[in-house]
Amino acid sequence: MKGLTEIRWHGRGGQGAKTAALLLADVAFSIGKYVQGFPEYGPERMGAPITAYDRISDTAIRVHSNIYEPDFVAVVDDTLLHDVDVAKGLKKEGAILINTEKEKEEILPLLSGYEGDVYAIDARKVCMETLGKYFPNTPMLAAIVKISNVMEKEVFLTEMEASLKHKFAKKPEVLEGNLKALRLAFDEVKLLSEGSRHTPAGRVYGKSA
């Protein structure tokens, strides 16, 4: 399928992984892409592991199933690495993004020997600097856009601003905080481990750890 990108999200109930997946689908749709954004339904109690998915394509999407071999994986909570095989099926030409402040020596052994690129972002740091509250899905959304290249940075930010203006029309301070979080997240992504996808020309993705 031409130009198809598949993304799997792992998070815990209440952290916004489902919301992030749906937002990404909405933004991609707004710029003319064919999209699917959906959660895997199950026990969605607060703190329980949840999974959500995005398909973004230049052509019509004919498949309607969960994503078993994603191009990219976003892990919203690093404690899931102890309980969930987040790298399962992940293409080695793709990449995994993890919300963590830990060093690669702690993270890499938990990824089942994954051979692709591994990226990290400290979403808590980004949130506290820009929002004053911890909403990890906001910086994770910007970070996965950067890593996956599903759209240009400024296109994403413009579309997100339009969406957030509608949502926070009566809360301009919340709007500004979210926009700052999205922009800062692009700068805070760092590379933990180079995989087969990573080339010298690809170093635009982030700072090497």
N, C-alpha and C. Protein backbone atom coordinates (compact mmCIF):
# COMPACT_ATOMS: atom_id res chain seq x y z
N MET A 1 0.85 -1.20 0.00
CA MET A 1 0.00 0.00 0.00
C MET A 1 0.88 1.24 0.00
N LYS A 2 0.69 2.11 -0.98
CA LYS A 2 1.57 3.25 -1.17
C LYS A 2 1.56 4.20 0.02
N GLY A 3 2.75 4.53 0.52
CA GLY A 3 2.89 5.53 1.56
C GLY A 3 2.21 5.19 2.86
N LEU A 4 2.08 3.91 3.18
CA LEU A 4 1.40 3.50 4.41
C LEU A 4 2.36 3.49 5.59
N THR A 5 1.97 4.15 6.67
CA THR A 5 2.71 4.12 7.93
C THR A 5 1.80 3.59 9.02
N GLU A 6 2.28 2.58 9.76
CA GLU A 6 1.49 2.00 10.84
C GLU A 6 2.19 2.24 12.17
N ILE A 7 1.44 2.75 13.13
CA ILE A 7 1.98 3.11 14.45
C ILE A 7 1.17 2.44 15.53
N ARG A 8 1.85 1.84 16.48
CA ARG A 8 1.19 1.22 17.63
C ARG A 8 1.55 2.00 18.89
N TRP A 9 0.56 2.29 19.70
CA TRP A 9 0.75 3.02 20.96
C TRP A 9 0.55 2.08 22.14
N HIS A 10 1.44 2.18 23.12
CA HIS A 10 1.28 1.47 24.39
C HIS A 10 1.25 2.48 25.52
N GLY A 11 0.26 2.37 26.38
CA GLY A 11 0.17 3.27 27.52
C GLY A 11 -0.62 2.62 28.63
N ARG A 12 -0.97 3.41 29.60
CA ARG A 12 -1.85 2.96 30.69
C ARG A 12 -3.10 3.82 30.68
N GLY A 13 -4.20 3.23 31.15
CA GLY A 13 -5.45 3.96 31.18
C GLY A 13 -5.30 5.29 31.92
N GLY A 14 -5.76 6.37 31.29
CA GLY A 14 -5.69 7.68 31.91
C GLY A 14 -4.51 8.52 31.47
N GLN A 15 -3.59 7.94 30.68
CA GLN A 15 -2.41 8.68 30.24
C GLN A 15 -2.58 9.34 28.87
N GLY A 16 -3.65 9.01 28.17
CA GLY A 16 -3.94 9.69 26.92
C GLY A 16 -3.39 9.05 25.66
N ALA A 17 -2.97 7.80 25.72
CA ALA A 17 -2.47 7.14 24.51
C ALA A 17 -3.56 7.05 23.44
N LYS A 18 -4.76 6.68 23.87
CA LYS A 18 -5.88 6.60 22.93
C LYS A 18 -6.15 7.97 22.32
N THR A 19 -6.16 9.01 23.14
CA THR A 19 -6.40 10.37 22.65
C THR A 19 -5.34 10.80 21.65
N ALA A 20 -4.09 10.47 21.95
CA ALA A 20 -2.99 10.83 21.05
C ALA A 20 -3.16 10.15 19.70
N ALA A 21 -3.53 8.87 19.70
CA ALA A 21 -3.73 8.15 18.45
C ALA A 21 -4.85 8.77 17.63
N LEU A 22 -5.93 9.14 18.28
CA LEU A 22 -7.06 9.75 17.57
C LEU A 22 -6.71 11.14 17.06
N LEU A 23 -5.96 11.90 17.85
CA LEU A 23 -5.53 13.23 17.42
C LEU A 23 -4.63 13.15 16.20
N LEU A 24 -3.70 12.21 16.21
CA LEU A 24 -2.79 12.05 15.07
C LEU A 24 -3.58 11.72 13.81
N ALA A 25 -4.56 10.84 13.94
CA ALA A 25 -5.40 10.50 12.80
C ALA A 25 -6.17 11.71 12.29
N ASP A 26 -6.70 12.51 13.20
CA ASP A 26 -7.45 13.71 12.82
C ASP A 26 -6.57 14.70 12.06
N VAL A 27 -5.35 14.91 12.57
CA VAL A 27 -4.45 15.86 11.94
C VAL A 27 -4.04 15.36 10.56
N ALA A 28 -3.73 14.07 10.45
CA ALA A 28 -3.35 13.51 9.15
C ALA A 28 -4.51 13.61 8.15
N PHE A 29 -5.71 13.36 8.62
CA PHE A 29 -6.89 13.47 7.76
C PHE A 29 -7.07 14.90 7.25
N SER A 30 -6.78 15.87 8.12
CA SER A 30 -6.97 17.27 7.77
C SER A 30 -6.03 17.74 6.67
N ILE A 31 -4.92 17.00 6.45
CA ILE A 31 -4.00 17.39 5.38
C ILE A 31 -4.14 16.46 4.17
N GLY A 32 -5.23 15.69 4.14
CA GLY A 32 -5.54 14.92 2.95
C GLY A 32 -5.10 13.47 2.96
N LYS A 33 -4.66 12.95 4.09
CA LYS A 33 -4.25 11.56 4.16
C LYS A 33 -5.46 10.65 4.40
N TYR A 34 -5.31 9.40 4.03
CA TYR A 34 -6.27 8.36 4.43
C TYR A 34 -5.82 7.85 5.79
N VAL A 35 -6.74 7.70 6.73
CA VAL A 35 -6.33 7.39 8.10
C VAL A 35 -7.24 6.37 8.77
N GLN A 36 -6.67 5.71 9.77
CA GLN A 36 -7.41 4.95 10.77
C GLN A 36 -6.76 5.26 12.11
N GLY A 37 -7.58 5.51 13.11
CA GLY A 37 -7.08 5.70 14.47
C GLY A 37 -8.06 5.05 15.42
N PHE A 38 -7.59 4.08 16.20
CA PHE A 38 -8.54 3.33 17.03
C PHE A 38 -7.81 2.64 18.18
N PRO A 39 -8.52 2.43 19.29
CA PRO A 39 -7.94 1.68 20.42
C PRO A 39 -8.27 0.21 20.31
N GLU A 40 -7.51 -0.59 21.03
CA GLU A 40 -7.85 -2.01 21.19
C GLU A 40 -8.70 -2.12 22.44
N TYR A 41 -9.94 -2.44 22.27
CA TYR A 41 -10.85 -2.42 23.41
C TYR A 41 -10.61 -3.59 24.36
N GLY A 42 -10.73 -3.29 25.62
CA GLY A 42 -10.52 -4.28 26.68
C GLY A 42 -10.75 -3.58 28.00
N PRO A 43 -10.28 -4.14 29.10
CA PRO A 43 -10.42 -3.48 30.41
C PRO A 43 -9.65 -2.15 30.41
N GLU A 44 -10.36 -1.03 30.45
CA GLU A 44 -9.71 0.28 30.35
C GLU A 44 -9.69 1.01 31.70
N ARG A 45 -9.53 0.25 32.76
CA ARG A 45 -9.48 0.89 34.07
C ARG A 45 -8.20 1.72 34.20
N MET A 46 -8.26 2.69 35.06
CA MET A 46 -7.13 3.58 35.28
C MET A 46 -5.87 2.79 35.64
N GLY A 47 -4.82 3.03 34.88
CA GLY A 47 -3.55 2.39 35.14
C GLY A 47 -3.34 1.07 34.44
N ALA A 48 -4.38 0.50 33.85
CA ALA A 48 -4.24 -0.78 33.15
C ALA A 48 -3.60 -0.56 31.79
N PRO A 49 -2.80 -1.51 31.31
CA PRO A 49 -2.19 -1.36 29.98
C PRO A 49 -3.25 -1.25 28.88
N ILE A 50 -3.05 -0.33 27.96
CA ILE A 50 -3.95 -0.18 26.82
C ILE A 50 -3.10 -0.06 25.54
N THR A 51 -3.71 -0.37 24.42
CA THR A 51 -3.05 -0.29 23.13
C THR A 51 -3.93 0.48 22.17
N ALA A 52 -3.32 1.32 21.33
CA ALA A 52 -4.05 2.05 20.31
C ALA A 52 -3.23 2.05 19.03
N TYR A 53 -3.88 2.38 17.92
CA TYR A 53 -3.24 2.23 16.62
C TYR A 53 -3.53 3.41 15.69
N ASP A 54 -2.57 3.65 14.79
CA ASP A 54 -2.77 4.60 13.69
C ASP A 54 -2.31 3.97 12.39
N ARG A 55 -3.10 4.13 11.35
CA ARG A 55 -2.67 3.88 9.98
C ARG A 55 -2.81 5.19 9.22
N ILE A 56 -1.75 5.59 8.53
CA ILE A 56 -1.75 6.83 7.77
C ILE A 56 -1.20 6.50 6.39
N SER A 57 -1.97 6.85 5.34
CA SER A 57 -1.60 6.40 4.00
C SER A 57 -1.90 7.47 2.96
N ASP A 58 -1.19 7.38 1.84
CA ASP A 58 -1.45 8.26 0.71
C ASP A 58 -2.58 7.72 -0.17
N THR A 59 -2.93 6.47 0.04
CA THR A 59 -4.01 5.86 -0.74
C THR A 59 -5.01 5.20 0.20
N ALA A 60 -6.14 4.81 -0.33
CA ALA A 60 -7.20 4.22 0.48
C ALA A 60 -6.69 3.00 1.25
N ILE A 61 -7.13 2.86 2.49
CA ILE A 61 -6.70 1.76 3.36
C ILE A 61 -7.75 0.65 3.30
N ARG A 62 -7.31 -0.52 2.90
CA ARG A 62 -8.24 -1.64 2.73
C ARG A 62 -8.27 -2.59 3.92
N VAL A 63 -7.25 -2.55 4.75
CA VAL A 63 -7.17 -3.49 5.86
C VAL A 63 -7.88 -2.90 7.09
N HIS A 64 -8.54 -3.76 7.84
CA HIS A 64 -9.26 -3.32 9.04
C HIS A 64 -9.00 -4.31 10.17
N SER A 65 -7.82 -4.24 10.73
CA SER A 65 -7.43 -5.13 11.81
C SER A 65 -6.50 -4.38 12.74
N ASN A 66 -6.17 -5.00 13.86
CA ASN A 66 -5.12 -4.44 14.70
C ASN A 66 -3.81 -4.45 13.92
N ILE A 67 -2.82 -3.73 14.42
CA ILE A 67 -1.52 -3.65 13.75
C ILE A 67 -0.55 -4.59 14.45
N TYR A 68 -0.07 -5.58 13.72
CA TYR A 68 0.80 -6.59 14.32
C TYR A 68 2.27 -6.41 13.94
N GLU A 69 2.54 -5.70 12.86
CA GLU A 69 3.92 -5.44 12.44
C GLU A 69 4.07 -3.94 12.15
N PRO A 70 4.06 -3.12 13.20
CA PRO A 70 4.09 -1.67 13.02
C PRO A 70 5.43 -1.17 12.49
N ASP A 71 5.38 0.01 11.88
CA ASP A 71 6.60 0.70 11.49
C ASP A 71 7.21 1.43 12.69
N PHE A 72 6.32 1.90 13.57
CA PHE A 72 6.76 2.66 14.74
C PHE A 72 5.92 2.27 15.95
N VAL A 73 6.55 2.35 17.11
CA VAL A 73 5.87 2.10 18.37
C VAL A 73 6.13 3.27 19.32
N ALA A 74 5.10 3.74 19.99
CA ALA A 74 5.23 4.80 20.99
C ALA A 74 4.83 4.24 22.35
N VAL A 75 5.72 4.31 23.32
CA VAL A 75 5.48 3.79 24.67
C VAL A 75 5.35 4.97 25.62
N VAL A 76 4.14 5.20 26.11
CA VAL A 76 3.85 6.38 26.91
C VAL A 76 4.29 6.23 28.36
N ASP A 77 4.51 5.00 28.81
CA ASP A 77 4.90 4.74 30.20
C ASP A 77 5.98 3.66 30.21
N ASP A 78 7.18 4.01 30.67
CA ASP A 78 8.29 3.05 30.60
C ASP A 78 8.15 1.87 31.56
N THR A 79 7.23 1.95 32.52
CA THR A 79 7.02 0.80 33.40
C THR A 79 6.41 -0.37 32.62
N LEU A 80 5.80 -0.09 31.47
CA LEU A 80 5.23 -1.15 30.65
C LEU A 80 6.30 -2.07 30.08
N LEU A 81 7.51 -1.59 30.00
CA LEU A 81 8.59 -2.40 29.43
C LEU A 81 8.84 -3.67 30.23
N HIS A 82 8.45 -3.68 31.51
CA HIS A 82 8.62 -4.85 32.36
C HIS A 82 7.50 -5.87 32.17
N ASP A 83 6.36 -5.42 31.62
CA ASP A 83 5.18 -6.27 31.57
C ASP A 83 4.70 -6.60 30.16
N VAL A 84 5.05 -5.76 29.19
CA VAL A 84 4.52 -5.89 27.84
C VAL A 84 5.68 -5.96 26.85
N ASP A 85 5.59 -6.87 25.87
CA ASP A 85 6.60 -6.94 24.81
C ASP A 85 6.28 -5.86 23.78
N VAL A 86 6.67 -4.62 24.07
CA VAL A 86 6.29 -3.48 23.24
C VAL A 86 6.93 -3.54 21.85
N ALA A 87 8.03 -4.26 21.71
CA ALA A 87 8.71 -4.36 20.42
C ALA A 87 8.21 -5.51 19.56
N LYS A 88 7.22 -6.23 20.03
CA LYS A 88 6.73 -7.40 19.29
C LYS A 88 6.28 -7.01 17.89
N GLY A 89 6.83 -7.66 16.88
CA GLY A 89 6.43 -7.41 15.50
C GLY A 89 6.96 -6.13 14.90
N LEU A 90 7.62 -5.30 15.68
CA LEU A 90 8.10 -4.00 15.19
C LEU A 90 9.19 -4.19 14.15
N LYS A 91 9.01 -3.56 13.00
CA LYS A 91 9.98 -3.68 11.92
C LYS A 91 11.32 -3.08 12.32
N LYS A 92 12.40 -3.78 12.02
CA LYS A 92 13.71 -3.27 12.41
C LYS A 92 14.11 -2.06 11.59
N GLU A 93 13.42 -1.83 10.47
CA GLU A 93 13.67 -0.62 9.68
C GLU A 93 12.92 0.57 10.26
N GLY A 94 12.11 0.32 11.29
CA GLY A 94 11.33 1.37 11.93
C GLY A 94 12.03 1.90 13.17
N ALA A 95 11.24 2.22 14.19
CA ALA A 95 11.82 2.76 15.41
C ALA A 95 10.81 2.69 16.54
N ILE A 96 11.33 2.73 17.76
CA ILE A 96 10.49 2.77 18.95
C ILE A 96 10.81 4.03 19.73
N LEU A 97 9.77 4.67 20.24
CA LEU A 97 9.89 5.90 21.04
C LEU A 97 9.39 5.60 22.44
N ILE A 98 10.18 5.95 23.45
CA ILE A 98 9.82 5.64 24.83
C ILE A 98 9.85 6.92 25.67
N ASN A 99 8.81 7.12 26.43
CA ASN A 99 8.78 8.21 27.40
C ASN A 99 9.55 7.76 28.64
N THR A 100 10.74 8.29 28.81
CA THR A 100 11.57 7.87 29.94
C THR A 100 12.65 8.91 30.22
N GLU A 101 13.10 8.92 31.46
CA GLU A 101 14.26 9.74 31.83
C GLU A 101 15.46 8.84 32.11
N LYS A 102 15.27 7.53 31.91
CA LYS A 102 16.33 6.57 32.21
C LYS A 102 17.36 6.52 31.09
N GLU A 103 18.54 6.01 31.42
CA GLU A 103 19.61 5.87 30.45
C GLU A 103 19.41 4.60 29.61
N LYS A 104 20.10 4.55 28.48
CA LYS A 104 19.90 3.42 27.56
C LYS A 104 20.30 2.09 28.19
N GLU A 105 21.23 2.11 29.14
CA GLU A 105 21.66 0.86 29.78
C GLU A 105 20.50 0.20 30.53
N GLU A 106 19.55 1.00 31.00
CA GLU A 106 18.38 0.45 31.68
C GLU A 106 17.27 0.07 30.71
N ILE A 107 17.19 0.78 29.59
CA ILE A 107 16.07 0.61 28.66
C ILE A 107 16.30 -0.51 27.65
N LEU A 108 17.44 -0.53 27.02
CA LEU A 108 17.67 -1.47 25.91
C LEU A 108 17.49 -2.94 26.27
N PRO A 109 17.94 -3.39 27.47
CA PRO A 109 17.74 -4.81 27.81
C PRO A 109 16.28 -5.22 27.94
N LEU A 110 15.37 -4.26 27.99
CA LEU A 110 13.96 -4.56 28.16
C LEU A 110 13.21 -4.63 26.82
N LEU A 111 13.93 -4.52 25.70
CA LEU A 111 13.29 -4.44 24.40
C LEU A 111 13.42 -5.71 23.57
N SER A 112 13.64 -6.83 24.21
CA SER A 112 13.64 -8.15 23.55
C SER A 112 14.61 -8.23 22.38
N GLY A 113 15.74 -7.52 22.50
CA GLY A 113 16.75 -7.58 21.45
C GLY A 113 16.40 -6.81 20.19
N TYR A 114 15.48 -5.86 20.29
CA TYR A 114 15.07 -5.09 19.11
C TYR A 114 16.27 -4.43 18.43
N GLU A 115 16.35 -4.54 17.10
CA GLU A 115 17.52 -4.11 16.35
C GLU A 115 17.35 -2.76 15.64
N GLY A 116 16.17 -2.17 15.75
CA GLY A 116 15.94 -0.88 15.10
C GLY A 116 16.34 0.30 15.97
N ASP A 117 16.03 1.49 15.49
CA ASP A 117 16.35 2.70 16.24
C ASP A 117 15.49 2.80 17.50
N VAL A 118 16.10 3.26 18.58
CA VAL A 118 15.39 3.48 19.84
C VAL A 118 15.55 4.94 20.22
N TYR A 119 14.44 5.62 20.43
CA TYR A 119 14.43 7.02 20.81
C TYR A 119 13.77 7.20 22.17
N ALA A 120 14.11 8.29 22.82
CA ALA A 120 13.52 8.59 24.13
C ALA A 120 13.17 10.06 24.21
N ILE A 121 12.17 10.36 25.03
CA ILE A 121 11.84 11.72 25.37
C ILE A 121 11.37 11.72 26.82
N ASP A 122 11.80 12.71 27.57
CA ASP A 122 11.34 12.87 28.95
C ASP A 122 10.09 13.75 28.92
N ALA A 123 8.94 13.10 28.75
CA ALA A 123 7.69 13.84 28.60
C ALA A 123 7.32 14.61 29.87
N ARG A 124 7.71 14.07 31.02
CA ARG A 124 7.41 14.79 32.27
C ARG A 124 8.14 16.13 32.30
N LYS A 125 9.40 16.13 31.91
CA LYS A 125 10.17 17.37 31.88
C LYS A 125 9.53 18.39 30.94
N VAL A 126 9.15 17.95 29.77
CA VAL A 126 8.51 18.84 28.80
C VAL A 126 7.22 19.42 29.36
N CYS A 127 6.41 18.56 29.96
CA CYS A 127 5.12 19.00 30.50
C CYS A 127 5.28 19.99 31.64
N MET A 128 6.19 19.72 32.54
CA MET A 128 6.35 20.61 33.70
C MET A 128 6.92 21.96 33.28
N GLU A 129 7.72 21.99 32.23
CA GLU A 129 8.28 23.26 31.75
C GLU A 129 7.26 24.09 31.00
N THR A 130 6.27 23.46 30.42
CA THR A 130 5.34 24.18 29.55
C THR A 130 3.90 24.23 30.05
N LEU A 131 3.47 23.18 30.75
CA LEU A 131 2.09 23.08 31.18
C LEU A 131 1.91 23.16 32.69
N GLY A 132 2.95 22.80 33.42
CA GLY A 132 2.84 22.77 34.87
C GLY A 132 2.11 21.55 35.39
N LYS A 133 1.66 20.70 34.49
CA LYS A 133 0.97 19.46 34.83
C LYS A 133 1.46 18.37 33.89
N TYR A 134 1.30 17.13 34.30
CA TYR A 134 1.83 16.01 33.54
C TYR A 134 0.77 15.40 32.64
N PHE A 135 0.87 15.68 31.35
CA PHE A 135 0.03 15.08 30.32
C PHE A 135 0.95 14.50 29.26
N PRO A 136 1.44 13.28 29.45
CA PRO A 136 2.50 12.75 28.58
C PRO A 136 2.11 12.60 27.13
N ASN A 137 0.82 12.48 26.83
CA ASN A 137 0.43 12.26 25.44
C ASN A 137 0.75 13.44 24.54
N THR A 138 0.79 14.66 25.10
CA THR A 138 1.06 15.84 24.27
C THR A 138 2.47 15.82 23.70
N PRO A 139 3.53 15.73 24.51
CA PRO A 139 4.87 15.65 23.92
C PRO A 139 5.10 14.35 23.14
N MET A 140 4.47 13.26 23.54
CA MET A 140 4.64 12.00 22.81
C MET A 140 4.08 12.11 21.40
N LEU A 141 2.99 12.84 21.24
CA LEU A 141 2.39 13.02 19.93
C LEU A 141 3.35 13.74 18.99
N ALA A 142 3.94 14.84 19.47
CA ALA A 142 4.90 15.58 18.64
C ALA A 142 6.13 14.73 18.35
N ALA A 143 6.59 13.99 19.34
CA ALA A 143 7.80 13.19 19.17
C ALA A 143 7.62 12.09 18.14
N ILE A 144 6.46 11.44 18.13
CA ILE A 144 6.25 10.35 17.16
C ILE A 144 6.10 10.92 15.75
N VAL A 145 5.56 12.13 15.63
CA VAL A 145 5.50 12.78 14.32
C VAL A 145 6.91 13.06 13.80
N LYS A 146 7.77 13.52 14.69
CA LYS A 146 9.15 13.80 14.29
C LYS A 146 9.86 12.54 13.82
N ILE A 147 9.74 11.47 14.58
CA ILE A 147 10.46 10.24 14.29
C ILE A 147 9.91 9.54 13.05
N SER A 148 8.60 9.54 12.89
CA SER A 148 7.97 8.81 11.79
C SER A 148 7.96 9.59 10.49
N ASN A 149 8.09 10.91 10.58
CA ASN A 149 8.03 11.75 9.38
C ASN A 149 6.71 11.61 8.61
N VAL A 150 5.62 11.38 9.32
CA VAL A 150 4.34 11.25 8.63
C VAL A 150 3.85 12.59 8.09
N MET A 151 4.42 13.68 8.60
CA MET A 151 4.14 15.01 8.07
C MET A 151 5.22 15.97 8.53
N GLU A 152 5.31 17.12 7.85
CA GLU A 152 6.31 18.11 8.21
C GLU A 152 5.97 18.75 9.55
N LYS A 153 7.00 19.14 10.26
CA LYS A 153 6.83 19.73 11.59
C LYS A 153 5.87 20.91 11.58
N GLU A 154 6.10 21.88 10.70
CA GLU A 154 5.28 23.10 10.71
C GLU A 154 3.85 22.82 10.27
N VAL A 155 3.66 21.86 9.39
CA VAL A 155 2.31 21.46 9.00
C VAL A 155 1.58 20.88 10.21
N PHE A 156 2.25 19.99 10.91
CA PHE A 156 1.67 19.38 12.12
C PHE A 156 1.31 20.45 13.15
N LEU A 157 2.23 21.36 13.43
CA LEU A 157 2.00 22.39 14.44
C LEU A 157 0.86 23.32 14.04
N THR A 158 0.78 23.66 12.77
CA THR A 158 -0.30 24.52 12.30
C THR A 158 -1.65 23.86 12.48
N GLU A 159 -1.73 22.59 12.10
CA GLU A 159 -3.00 21.86 12.22
C GLU A 159 -3.37 21.63 13.68
N MET A 160 -2.38 21.36 14.51
CA MET A 160 -2.65 21.18 15.94
C MET A 160 -3.12 22.48 16.57
N GLU A 161 -2.53 23.57 16.17
CA GLU A 161 -2.96 24.87 16.72
C GLU A 161 -4.43 25.13 16.38
N ALA A 162 -4.83 24.84 15.15
CA ALA A 162 -6.22 25.03 14.74
C ALA A 162 -7.14 24.14 15.57
N SER A 163 -6.73 22.90 15.79
CA SER A 163 -7.54 21.97 16.57
C SER A 163 -7.65 22.41 18.02
N LEU A 164 -6.52 22.81 18.61
CA LEU A 164 -6.51 23.21 20.01
C LEU A 164 -7.23 24.52 20.25
N LYS A 165 -7.21 25.42 19.27
CA LYS A 165 -7.93 26.69 19.40
C LYS A 165 -9.42 26.44 19.55
N HIS A 166 -9.91 25.45 18.84
CA HIS A 166 -11.32 25.10 18.95
C HIS A 166 -11.61 24.47 20.31
N LYS A 167 -10.72 23.60 20.77
CA LYS A 167 -10.93 22.89 22.03
C LYS A 167 -10.78 23.80 23.24
N PHE A 168 -9.80 24.70 23.18
CA PHE A 168 -9.51 25.56 24.33
C PHE A 168 -9.81 27.03 24.03
N ALA A 169 -10.92 27.28 23.34
CA ALA A 169 -11.29 28.64 22.94
C ALA A 169 -11.39 29.59 24.12
N LYS A 170 -11.80 29.07 25.27
CA LYS A 170 -11.99 29.92 26.45
C LYS A 170 -10.84 29.78 27.44
N LYS A 171 -9.78 29.07 27.05
CA LYS A 171 -8.62 28.87 27.93
C LYS A 171 -7.33 29.14 27.15
N PRO A 172 -7.08 30.41 26.80
CA PRO A 172 -5.90 30.71 25.98
C PRO A 172 -4.59 30.29 26.62
N GLU A 173 -4.54 30.28 27.95
CA GLU A 173 -3.30 29.89 28.61
C GLU A 173 -3.02 28.39 28.42
N VAL A 174 -4.07 27.59 28.37
CA VAL A 174 -3.92 26.16 28.13
C VAL A 174 -3.50 25.91 26.68
N LEU A 175 -4.08 26.67 25.78
CA LEU A 175 -3.70 26.58 24.37
C LEU A 175 -2.22 26.87 24.20
N GLU A 176 -1.76 27.96 24.77
CA GLU A 176 -0.36 28.35 24.62
C GLU A 176 0.57 27.32 25.25
N GLY A 177 0.19 26.78 26.40
CA GLY A 177 1.01 25.77 27.06
C GLY A 177 1.15 24.51 26.22
N ASN A 178 0.06 24.08 25.60
CA ASN A 178 0.10 22.89 24.76
C ASN A 178 0.95 23.11 23.52
N LEU A 179 0.85 24.27 22.92
CA LEU A 179 1.66 24.57 21.74
C LEU A 179 3.14 24.61 22.09
N LYS A 180 3.46 25.16 23.26
CA LYS A 180 4.85 25.18 23.71
C LYS A 180 5.36 23.76 23.96
N ALA A 181 4.50 22.92 24.53
CA ALA A 181 4.88 21.53 24.80
C ALA A 181 5.16 20.79 23.49
N LEU A 182 4.33 21.01 22.48
CA LEU A 182 4.53 20.35 21.20
C LEU A 182 5.84 20.78 20.55
N ARG A 183 6.11 22.07 20.59
CA ARG A 183 7.35 22.58 19.98
C ARG A 183 8.59 22.09 20.74
N LEU A 184 8.53 22.14 22.06
CA LEU A 184 9.67 21.71 22.85
C LEU A 184 9.94 20.22 22.66
N ALA A 185 8.89 19.44 22.50
CA ALA A 185 9.05 17.99 22.32
C ALA A 185 9.89 17.67 21.09
N PHE A 186 9.73 18.43 20.03
CA PHE A 186 10.54 18.19 18.83
C PHE A 186 12.03 18.31 19.13
N ASP A 187 12.38 19.19 20.06
CA ASP A 187 13.79 19.41 20.39
C ASP A 187 14.32 18.43 21.43
N GLU A 188 13.41 17.81 22.17
CA GLU A 188 13.83 16.98 23.30
C GLU A 188 13.97 15.49 22.96
N VAL A 189 13.59 15.10 21.75
CA VAL A 189 13.76 13.70 21.36
C VAL A 189 15.25 13.39 21.24
N LYS A 190 15.67 12.28 21.79
CA LYS A 190 17.07 11.89 21.68
C LYS A 190 17.19 10.44 21.25
N LEU A 191 18.26 10.16 20.56
CA LEU A 191 18.52 8.82 20.06
C LEU A 191 19.28 8.02 21.12
N LEU A 192 18.71 6.87 21.51
CA LEU A 192 19.37 6.01 22.48
C LEU A 192 20.22 4.94 21.81
N SER A 193 19.73 4.43 20.68
CA SER A 193 20.44 3.34 20.02
C SER A 193 20.16 3.37 18.53
N GLU A 194 21.21 3.25 17.71
CA GLU A 194 21.06 3.26 16.27
C GLU A 194 20.75 1.86 15.75
N GLY A 195 19.77 1.79 14.85
CA GLY A 195 19.43 0.53 14.23
C GLY A 195 19.70 0.58 12.74
N SER A 196 19.13 -0.38 12.01
CA SER A 196 19.39 -0.50 10.58
C SER A 196 18.81 0.66 9.79
N ARG A 197 17.85 1.35 10.35
CA ARG A 197 17.21 2.47 9.68
C ARG A 197 18.02 3.75 9.75
N HIS A 198 18.92 3.81 10.74
CA HIS A 198 19.62 5.04 11.04
C HIS A 198 20.84 5.21 10.14
N THR A 199 20.94 6.37 9.53
CA THR A 199 22.08 6.72 8.68
C THR A 199 22.61 8.07 9.11
N PRO A 200 23.83 8.44 8.71
CA PRO A 200 24.34 9.77 9.05
C PRO A 200 23.39 10.89 8.61
N ALA A 201 22.75 10.70 7.46
CA ALA A 201 21.84 11.73 6.97
C ALA A 201 20.59 11.83 7.83
N GLY A 202 20.34 10.80 8.62
CA GLY A 202 19.14 10.78 9.43
C GLY A 202 19.30 11.40 10.80
N ARG A 203 20.41 11.99 11.08
CA ARG A 203 20.66 12.51 12.41
C ARG A 203 19.82 13.73 12.75
N VAL A 204 19.00 14.15 11.85
CA VAL A 204 18.07 15.24 12.13
C VAL A 204 17.05 14.83 13.18
N TYR A 205 16.92 13.52 13.47
CA TYR A 205 15.88 13.06 14.37
C TYR A 205 16.13 13.47 15.82
N GLY A 206 17.34 13.69 16.22
CA GLY A 206 17.53 14.06 17.62
C GLY A 206 18.96 13.97 18.04
N LYS A 207 19.16 14.30 19.30
CA LYS A 207 20.49 14.31 19.87
C LYS A 207 20.91 12.90 20.25
N SER A 208 22.13 12.55 19.94
CA SER A 208 22.63 11.24 20.31
C SER A 208 22.93 11.20 21.78
N ALA A 209 22.53 10.10 22.43
CA ALA A 209 22.76 9.99 23.87
C ALA A 209 24.21 9.67 24.14
